[in-house]
Amino acid sequence: MSADRITLTVPARGEYAKAVRMTASGLVARMNMTYDELDDVRIAAEEAFVYACDHSPESGEVRLEFLVAEDSIEMKVNLSDGLRVTDEEAERRAAYATFLLQSVSDRFEMSSDESGPYLRVVKSVERDRDDALQ
């Protein structure tokens, strides 16, 4: 089964969070997800982006890679190596974002590869339901 790869590069500024959320929503619209699953993907995309903004230089960019398959969507969000702001508020936002991402995804990980640290979020389509979007 093949998957489509979509890459989005956005300035690391919070005002672009809605654009990222709407992009994820548009990609999921072609899948057989419920409204709750769709909402989970939108929340995950926005939270992952905001988290990445806090972990990027102010003049930097956030690169999001979506892998859209028939039965799942995966988001890989590249991170910089350190927090932009290291105050208590930034730490609380990071903890909250991590909690939300774990809550709304089927798989969530923070890891690193040759391109650096990243977040990976996967949301799968549940099968055999009558409440999926048409």
N, C-alpha and C. Protein backbone atom coordinates (compact mmCIF):
# COMPACT_ATOMS: atom_id res chain seq x y z
N MET A 1 0.85 -1.17 0.00
CA MET A 1 0.00 0.00 0.00
C MET A 1 0.89 1.24 0.00
N SER A 2 0.66 2.14 -0.93
CA SER A 2 1.49 3.34 -1.00
C SER A 2 0.86 4.47 -0.20
N ALA A 3 1.69 5.44 0.10
CA ALA A 3 1.24 6.61 0.86
C ALA A 3 1.73 7.85 0.13
N ASP A 4 1.00 8.93 0.29
CA ASP A 4 1.40 10.22 -0.28
C ASP A 4 2.20 10.98 0.76
N ARG A 5 3.29 11.60 0.32
CA ARG A 5 4.14 12.41 1.19
C ARG A 5 3.96 13.88 0.84
N ILE A 6 3.59 14.66 1.84
CA ILE A 6 3.38 16.09 1.66
C ILE A 6 4.30 16.80 2.64
N THR A 7 5.10 17.74 2.16
CA THR A 7 6.01 18.48 3.02
C THR A 7 5.58 19.94 3.06
N LEU A 8 5.53 20.48 4.27
CA LEU A 8 5.12 21.86 4.49
C LEU A 8 6.21 22.55 5.31
N THR A 9 6.71 23.66 4.83
CA THR A 9 7.70 24.44 5.56
C THR A 9 7.08 25.79 5.89
N VAL A 10 7.05 26.11 7.18
CA VAL A 10 6.33 27.29 7.66
C VAL A 10 7.26 28.10 8.58
N PRO A 11 7.21 29.43 8.52
CA PRO A 11 7.98 30.21 9.49
C PRO A 11 7.61 29.81 10.92
N ALA A 12 8.60 29.77 11.78
CA ALA A 12 8.41 29.33 13.17
C ALA A 12 7.77 30.45 14.00
N ARG A 13 6.55 30.78 13.61
CA ARG A 13 5.80 31.82 14.32
C ARG A 13 4.38 31.33 14.56
N GLY A 14 3.91 31.55 15.75
CA GLY A 14 2.61 31.05 16.18
C GLY A 14 1.44 31.42 15.30
N GLU A 15 1.52 32.55 14.61
CA GLU A 15 0.38 32.96 13.79
C GLU A 15 0.12 32.02 12.61
N TYR A 16 1.06 31.09 12.33
CA TYR A 16 0.85 30.13 11.26
C TYR A 16 0.24 28.81 11.76
N ALA A 17 -0.05 28.71 13.04
CA ALA A 17 -0.61 27.48 13.60
C ALA A 17 -1.93 27.11 12.95
N LYS A 18 -2.77 28.08 12.69
CA LYS A 18 -4.07 27.80 12.08
C LYS A 18 -3.90 27.25 10.66
N ALA A 19 -2.93 27.77 9.92
CA ALA A 19 -2.67 27.28 8.56
C ALA A 19 -2.22 25.82 8.59
N VAL A 20 -1.39 25.47 9.57
CA VAL A 20 -0.94 24.09 9.72
C VAL A 20 -2.13 23.20 10.07
N ARG A 21 -2.95 23.67 10.98
CA ARG A 21 -4.14 22.92 11.40
C ARG A 21 -5.08 22.67 10.21
N MET A 22 -5.30 23.69 9.40
CA MET A 22 -6.20 23.56 8.25
C MET A 22 -5.59 22.65 7.17
N THR A 23 -4.29 22.68 7.01
CA THR A 23 -3.63 21.79 6.06
C THR A 23 -3.85 20.33 6.48
N ALA A 24 -3.62 20.05 7.75
CA ALA A 24 -3.84 18.69 8.26
C ALA A 24 -5.30 18.27 8.07
N SER A 25 -6.20 19.18 8.34
CA SER A 25 -7.63 18.90 8.17
C SER A 25 -7.96 18.56 6.72
N GLY A 26 -7.40 19.32 5.80
CA GLY A 26 -7.63 19.06 4.38
C GLY A 26 -7.09 17.71 3.93
N LEU A 27 -5.94 17.34 4.46
CA LEU A 27 -5.36 16.04 4.10
C LEU A 27 -6.20 14.89 4.64
N VAL A 28 -6.73 15.04 5.83
CA VAL A 28 -7.51 13.98 6.47
C VAL A 28 -8.90 13.87 5.85
N ALA A 29 -9.39 14.94 5.25
CA ALA A 29 -10.75 14.94 4.69
C ALA A 29 -10.95 13.84 3.65
N ARG A 30 -9.89 13.41 3.00
CA ARG A 30 -10.01 12.36 1.98
C ARG A 30 -9.99 10.96 2.58
N MET A 31 -9.77 10.87 3.89
CA MET A 31 -9.70 9.58 4.57
C MET A 31 -11.06 9.26 5.19
N ASN A 32 -11.25 8.04 5.59
CA ASN A 32 -12.51 7.59 6.17
C ASN A 32 -12.45 7.69 7.70
N MET A 33 -12.25 8.92 8.21
CA MET A 33 -12.14 9.15 9.65
C MET A 33 -13.43 9.72 10.20
N THR A 34 -13.63 9.49 11.49
CA THR A 34 -14.77 10.09 12.18
C THR A 34 -14.45 11.55 12.47
N TYR A 35 -15.47 12.30 12.88
CA TYR A 35 -15.24 13.69 13.26
C TYR A 35 -14.26 13.78 14.44
N ASP A 36 -14.38 12.86 15.39
CA ASP A 36 -13.46 12.87 16.53
C ASP A 36 -12.02 12.60 16.10
N GLU A 37 -11.82 11.67 15.19
CA GLU A 37 -10.48 11.38 14.69
C GLU A 37 -9.93 12.58 13.92
N LEU A 38 -10.77 13.19 13.10
CA LEU A 38 -10.37 14.39 12.36
C LEU A 38 -9.94 15.48 13.33
N ASP A 39 -10.71 15.69 14.37
CA ASP A 39 -10.38 16.70 15.37
C ASP A 39 -9.07 16.37 16.07
N ASP A 40 -8.84 15.10 16.36
CA ASP A 40 -7.57 14.67 16.97
C ASP A 40 -6.39 15.05 16.08
N VAL A 41 -6.52 14.83 14.78
CA VAL A 41 -5.44 15.16 13.84
C VAL A 41 -5.21 16.67 13.80
N ARG A 42 -6.27 17.45 13.78
CA ARG A 42 -6.12 18.91 13.78
C ARG A 42 -5.42 19.39 15.05
N ILE A 43 -5.83 18.87 16.18
CA ILE A 43 -5.20 19.24 17.46
C ILE A 43 -3.73 18.84 17.44
N ALA A 44 -3.44 17.62 17.00
CA ALA A 44 -2.06 17.14 16.98
C ALA A 44 -1.18 18.01 16.08
N ALA A 45 -1.69 18.38 14.90
CA ALA A 45 -0.90 19.20 13.97
C ALA A 45 -0.58 20.55 14.58
N GLU A 46 -1.58 21.18 15.18
CA GLU A 46 -1.36 22.50 15.77
C GLU A 46 -0.42 22.43 16.97
N GLU A 47 -0.63 21.46 17.85
CA GLU A 47 0.23 21.34 19.03
C GLU A 47 1.67 21.00 18.65
N ALA A 48 1.84 20.12 17.68
CA ALA A 48 3.19 19.77 17.23
C ALA A 48 3.89 20.99 16.63
N PHE A 49 3.14 21.79 15.88
CA PHE A 49 3.72 22.99 15.29
C PHE A 49 4.12 24.00 16.37
N VAL A 50 3.23 24.25 17.32
CA VAL A 50 3.53 25.19 18.40
C VAL A 50 4.74 24.71 19.21
N TYR A 51 4.77 23.42 19.49
CA TYR A 51 5.91 22.85 20.21
C TYR A 51 7.20 23.09 19.41
N ALA A 52 7.14 22.85 18.09
CA ALA A 52 8.33 23.06 17.26
C ALA A 52 8.73 24.53 17.22
N CYS A 53 7.76 25.43 17.24
CA CYS A 53 8.08 26.87 17.26
C CYS A 53 8.88 27.21 18.52
N ASP A 54 8.49 26.64 19.66
CA ASP A 54 9.21 26.89 20.90
C ASP A 54 10.60 26.27 20.89
N HIS A 55 10.85 25.36 19.96
CA HIS A 55 12.15 24.68 19.85
C HIS A 55 12.88 25.08 18.58
N SER A 56 12.60 26.27 18.08
CA SER A 56 13.24 26.76 16.86
C SER A 56 13.77 28.17 17.09
N PRO A 57 14.80 28.55 16.37
CA PRO A 57 15.23 29.95 16.43
C PRO A 57 14.08 30.84 15.96
N GLU A 58 14.00 32.02 16.50
CA GLU A 58 12.89 32.92 16.17
C GLU A 58 12.80 33.20 14.68
N SER A 59 13.91 33.25 14.00
CA SER A 59 13.90 33.50 12.55
C SER A 59 13.87 32.20 11.75
N GLY A 60 13.67 31.08 12.43
CA GLY A 60 13.71 29.78 11.76
C GLY A 60 12.42 29.37 11.11
N GLU A 61 12.43 28.14 10.64
CA GLU A 61 11.27 27.55 9.99
C GLU A 61 10.98 26.20 10.63
N VAL A 62 9.74 25.77 10.50
CA VAL A 62 9.33 24.45 10.96
C VAL A 62 8.98 23.63 9.73
N ARG A 63 9.56 22.46 9.65
CA ARG A 63 9.29 21.56 8.52
C ARG A 63 8.41 20.42 9.02
N LEU A 64 7.24 20.29 8.40
CA LEU A 64 6.30 19.23 8.74
C LEU A 64 6.19 18.30 7.54
N GLU A 65 6.29 17.04 7.80
CA GLU A 65 6.14 16.05 6.73
C GLU A 65 4.95 15.17 7.07
N PHE A 66 3.97 15.14 6.18
CA PHE A 66 2.78 14.32 6.36
C PHE A 66 2.90 13.11 5.45
N LEU A 67 2.62 11.94 5.98
CA LEU A 67 2.58 10.72 5.20
C LEU A 67 1.14 10.22 5.29
N VAL A 68 0.40 10.34 4.19
CA VAL A 68 -1.02 10.03 4.18
C VAL A 68 -1.24 8.71 3.47
N ALA A 69 -1.70 7.72 4.22
CA ALA A 69 -2.02 6.40 3.68
C ALA A 69 -3.53 6.20 3.76
N GLU A 70 -3.99 5.10 3.25
CA GLU A 70 -5.42 4.82 3.27
C GLU A 70 -5.95 4.68 4.69
N ASP A 71 -5.12 4.15 5.59
CA ASP A 71 -5.59 3.84 6.94
C ASP A 71 -4.92 4.63 8.05
N SER A 72 -4.07 5.61 7.70
CA SER A 72 -3.41 6.40 8.75
C SER A 72 -2.80 7.66 8.16
N ILE A 73 -2.53 8.59 9.06
CA ILE A 73 -1.76 9.78 8.71
C ILE A 73 -0.64 9.90 9.73
N GLU A 74 0.54 10.17 9.25
CA GLU A 74 1.71 10.33 10.10
C GLU A 74 2.25 11.73 9.89
N MET A 75 2.60 12.39 10.99
CA MET A 75 3.23 13.71 10.93
C MET A 75 4.61 13.60 11.56
N LYS A 76 5.60 14.07 10.85
CA LYS A 76 6.95 14.17 11.39
C LYS A 76 7.29 15.65 11.39
N VAL A 77 7.61 16.18 12.56
CA VAL A 77 7.88 17.61 12.71
C VAL A 77 9.31 17.77 13.20
N ASN A 78 10.15 18.39 12.38
CA ASN A 78 11.54 18.59 12.76
C ASN A 78 11.67 19.65 13.84
N LEU A 79 12.58 19.42 14.77
CA LEU A 79 12.83 20.34 15.88
C LEU A 79 14.27 20.82 15.83
N SER A 80 14.52 21.99 16.37
CA SER A 80 15.89 22.44 16.59
C SER A 80 16.39 21.79 17.88
N ASP A 81 17.63 21.98 18.19
CA ASP A 81 18.24 21.30 19.33
C ASP A 81 17.89 21.88 20.70
N GLY A 82 17.34 23.06 20.78
CA GLY A 82 17.09 23.63 22.10
C GLY A 82 15.86 24.50 22.14
N LEU A 83 15.43 24.80 23.33
CA LEU A 83 14.29 25.69 23.51
C LEU A 83 14.66 27.12 23.11
N ARG A 84 13.74 27.80 22.47
CA ARG A 84 13.93 29.22 22.15
C ARG A 84 13.89 30.02 23.44
N VAL A 85 12.93 29.69 24.27
CA VAL A 85 12.74 30.35 25.56
C VAL A 85 12.84 29.29 26.63
N THR A 86 13.56 29.56 27.69
CA THR A 86 13.75 28.53 28.71
C THR A 86 13.13 28.92 30.05
N ASP A 87 12.07 29.67 30.00
CA ASP A 87 11.42 30.04 31.24
C ASP A 87 10.41 28.96 31.65
N GLU A 88 9.83 29.13 32.82
CA GLU A 88 8.88 28.15 33.33
C GLU A 88 7.65 28.04 32.44
N GLU A 89 7.22 29.14 31.86
CA GLU A 89 6.05 29.11 30.98
C GLU A 89 6.30 28.23 29.76
N ALA A 90 7.48 28.32 29.16
CA ALA A 90 7.82 27.49 28.00
C ALA A 90 7.86 26.02 28.40
N GLU A 91 8.37 25.74 29.57
CA GLU A 91 8.41 24.35 30.05
C GLU A 91 7.01 23.82 30.27
N ARG A 92 6.11 24.64 30.81
CA ARG A 92 4.71 24.22 31.00
C ARG A 92 4.03 23.98 29.65
N ARG A 93 4.28 24.87 28.68
CA ARG A 93 3.69 24.68 27.35
C ARG A 93 4.19 23.39 26.72
N ALA A 94 5.47 23.09 26.88
CA ALA A 94 6.04 21.87 26.32
C ALA A 94 5.42 20.63 26.98
N ALA A 95 5.25 20.67 28.29
CA ALA A 95 4.65 19.53 29.00
C ALA A 95 3.19 19.36 28.57
N TYR A 96 2.47 20.46 28.43
CA TYR A 96 1.07 20.40 28.01
C TYR A 96 0.96 19.87 26.58
N ALA A 97 1.80 20.35 25.69
CA ALA A 97 1.78 19.88 24.30
C ALA A 97 2.08 18.39 24.23
N THR A 98 3.05 17.94 25.00
CA THR A 98 3.39 16.52 25.03
C THR A 98 2.20 15.70 25.52
N PHE A 99 1.55 16.15 26.58
CA PHE A 99 0.37 15.47 27.10
C PHE A 99 -0.73 15.39 26.04
N LEU A 100 -1.02 16.51 25.37
CA LEU A 100 -2.05 16.51 24.33
C LEU A 100 -1.69 15.59 23.17
N LEU A 101 -0.45 15.65 22.73
CA LEU A 101 -0.04 14.81 21.61
C LEU A 101 -0.16 13.33 21.95
N GLN A 102 0.19 12.96 23.17
CA GLN A 102 0.03 11.58 23.60
C GLN A 102 -1.44 11.18 23.67
N SER A 103 -2.29 12.14 24.04
CA SER A 103 -3.72 11.87 24.22
C SER A 103 -4.46 11.69 22.90
N VAL A 104 -4.11 12.45 21.89
CA VAL A 104 -4.89 12.45 20.65
C VAL A 104 -4.30 11.57 19.55
N SER A 105 -3.15 10.97 19.79
CA SER A 105 -2.53 10.16 18.74
C SER A 105 -2.53 8.69 19.12
N ASP A 106 -2.39 7.85 18.10
CA ASP A 106 -2.26 6.41 18.34
C ASP A 106 -0.81 6.05 18.65
N ARG A 107 0.11 6.80 18.06
CA ARG A 107 1.54 6.63 18.37
C ARG A 107 2.16 8.02 18.42
N PHE A 108 3.00 8.22 19.41
CA PHE A 108 3.69 9.50 19.58
C PHE A 108 5.10 9.20 20.05
N GLU A 109 6.06 9.87 19.44
CA GLU A 109 7.44 9.70 19.89
C GLU A 109 8.23 10.98 19.65
N MET A 110 9.22 11.17 20.48
CA MET A 110 10.24 12.19 20.26
C MET A 110 11.52 11.41 20.04
N SER A 111 12.17 11.69 18.95
CA SER A 111 13.37 10.94 18.63
C SER A 111 14.33 11.82 17.85
N SER A 112 15.35 11.21 17.28
CA SER A 112 16.34 11.93 16.50
C SER A 112 16.87 11.02 15.41
N ASP A 113 17.19 11.61 14.27
CA ASP A 113 17.83 10.88 13.19
C ASP A 113 18.91 11.77 12.59
N GLU A 114 19.38 11.45 11.39
CA GLU A 114 20.46 12.22 10.77
C GLU A 114 20.10 13.68 10.54
N SER A 115 18.80 13.99 10.44
CA SER A 115 18.40 15.38 10.22
C SER A 115 18.15 16.13 11.53
N GLY A 116 18.29 15.45 12.67
CA GLY A 116 18.12 16.10 13.97
C GLY A 116 16.92 15.58 14.74
N PRO A 117 16.57 16.26 15.83
CA PRO A 117 15.44 15.82 16.65
C PRO A 117 14.10 16.09 15.94
N TYR A 118 13.12 15.27 16.28
CA TYR A 118 11.80 15.42 15.67
C TYR A 118 10.71 14.84 16.57
N LEU A 119 9.47 15.26 16.27
CA LEU A 119 8.27 14.66 16.85
C LEU A 119 7.65 13.81 15.77
N ARG A 120 7.10 12.67 16.15
CA ARG A 120 6.38 11.82 15.20
C ARG A 120 5.04 11.48 15.82
N VAL A 121 3.97 11.75 15.08
CA VAL A 121 2.61 11.51 15.54
C VAL A 121 1.88 10.70 14.48
N VAL A 122 1.22 9.63 14.90
CA VAL A 122 0.46 8.80 13.96
C VAL A 122 -0.97 8.67 14.47
N LYS A 123 -1.91 8.87 13.56
CA LYS A 123 -3.32 8.65 13.85
C LYS A 123 -3.85 7.67 12.81
N SER A 124 -4.44 6.58 13.27
CA SER A 124 -4.96 5.54 12.39
C SER A 124 -6.48 5.62 12.30
N VAL A 125 -6.99 5.14 11.19
CA VAL A 125 -8.43 5.06 10.99
C VAL A 125 -8.93 3.78 11.63
N GLU A 126 -9.95 3.90 12.45
CA GLU A 126 -10.59 2.70 12.99
C GLU A 126 -11.49 2.14 11.91
N ARG A 127 -11.55 0.85 11.79
CA ARG A 127 -12.36 0.19 10.76
C ARG A 127 -13.70 -0.26 11.31
N ASP A 128 -14.61 -0.59 10.40
CA ASP A 128 -15.90 -1.18 10.73
C ASP A 128 -16.77 -0.27 11.59
N ARG A 129 -16.96 0.96 11.14
CA ARG A 129 -17.81 1.90 11.86
C ARG A 129 -18.82 2.51 10.91
N ASP A 130 -19.89 2.97 11.47
CA ASP A 130 -20.90 3.66 10.68
C ASP A 130 -20.79 5.17 10.80
N ASP A 131 -19.91 5.66 11.71
CA ASP A 131 -19.86 7.10 12.00
C ASP A 131 -18.73 7.83 11.28
N ALA A 132 -18.14 7.23 10.24
CA ALA A 132 -17.05 7.87 9.51
C ALA A 132 -17.60 8.98 8.62
N LEU A 133 -16.73 9.95 8.34
CA LEU A 133 -17.10 11.05 7.43
C LEU A 133 -17.30 10.50 6.03
N GLN A 134 -18.21 11.03 5.31
CA GLN A 134 -18.44 10.59 3.92
C GLN A 134 -18.18 11.71 2.96
